[in-house]
């Protein structure tokens, strides 16, 4: 055996001697074990020799001493993963906590969506069975995000003039930009549409629409079927009302009246046959939301949105004289045959200045007139006298004037089923004290003016038609109805029919008398037996304007219908008022609808 080679410093050299590996001490001195070795180390784990060299695979990094991963790299990887975890945590918090409810609802909606099935609104008919408000089916598509479109019918009205105020208009259901319905019902806004909204509306139904993740409809199921609205049959005759509107509004235009209204009422039942106001608004445009029309008509100085038949307050003038004539008979103030001499004025002595008496003028000299004639010629002097008294003739006085005016329904709403009705005004000492605090004293002249329908008197056309109906039917104040076949609601005014008959005869005489001062000869028409009373009221700070009235009933011998018509605010002195204005309507009625005449 050869001599061992000298070991060089820093080397590890192994000697094979009889199967034993001998390691130089220098190796142990340099490596210095710091812990106890618990297992034997195989030589091939340390040394490369001819036996293990062939299996050494450099490509797989065998035999290479690997460096440990640096603390900086580990820290970087840790920070990266921490950021990822924090990001996912923040996103989860946002989705589940911050917007959790919204996304939960969206998730449910994506899978199952409720769709409205709109109920058909009830159809409105007139008394003859004619459709005057109905539905026209149309599809309203919602936004693209909506899984199904919903439909509601458009509301349509008879294309004839004069019905806008009685019918009114509606607002349609509304959806937002996302297709969600925030108003799921029609809303009646005026007229019959508002009055009967609850019954006309019906009840909406609904369906559930199942969709997939791409918003494609999988299936639809009706959950609640819709309940259609109820039909309504109004008491009005659409053809009669429309013609009344055409005739009166055309006459108003020709004679520079600003507007007006007209009413026809059944004196036995209280059913309204016609209730029209002019000018009127375009209810179809209001329903459809045509902004230009709505804006223009809302600010028009002629105020077409006001239903003058129930909301217009007018000084009645002489049309209240028949009412106070009946009151004077019932109170025993005067007999129907007592005559009063009309000399053209009533002069009341002034105790403070005898040379300047208070003068209350008549519109002309009538001579001796009894009650029937006084009604026919509308003598102011006669009604001054029975209202406030003069000389040896006592009068009703303002307390009784107020009482009887209220018995005939003035100064209070009539109870008609339409919104916006006004009560009107009856002048009284209490009213004057409130209206004129600087001059609260009630004087005789105030009573005189009230007894001929002037001063602060204000009534609606419906109130006028109603009190005329009470005169015509024998003394029963009716509650007016706009629903066909309504049960009559009557209140006795407390005046015997024999006194009311005197008044009816006076109103008939106003039409038939050959006296030049008879006031209602304009409605003396062959084929219809009219009884009527006219009235003219001066208005304005300088009496520069006038209102013109015509009221009456027919047939005079057996009354069935009463009417009232007013033309509003023409220049003072206008000669062609309400009575000649309404005459063409009655001529048309005789010719086209004899069922209302015979």
Foldseek 3Di string as FASTA:
>chain_A
DDDDDDDDQPDWDWDQDPNDTDTDVSVCVVVPDPDDDDDDDDPVVPDDDPVCVVVADVVVVPPPDDDDDDPVVVVVVVVVVVVVVVVVVVVCCCCCPVCNVVVVVVVVCQFKNKDKAFAFFAFEAEQVRHTFKGWAWDWDAADPLDLDTYTDTAIDGDPFPFCPQQQPAWADFDADNNRHTPGRWIAGDFHPCNLCVVQRTFAMWMKMFGADNVSHTDDIGTDGHTGGGHYFYWHEDVVLQRLLCVLQVVVCVVQVFLWWWKWKAFLPFQETHYTGIPDAADRSCVHVVVPVRCVCQCPDPSNRVDRQQFQNKDQAFQLCLLLQLLLLVQVVLDDQPDKDFFPFWDWAADPVDRVDTDIGGWPHGDGIDGNLQCQQLVTLVVLLCQQPHDDPRHHDYLVSVVLSLVLLQAQQHLQESTPNGDRWDQDDLVVQCVVPVVDSDDDSVNRSQSSRRADRGIDGQNSSQQSQSCLQVFAWRWRHYGGPPDGTDTDGSPGGNVSSLSSLSSQLCLCVPPDPSRPQVLQNDPQAQKGKGKGKYQDDPVSQWIKIKIWTFPDSVRTTMIMIMMGHTGGPPRDDHDRNSCNVSVVVCSVPPVVVGD
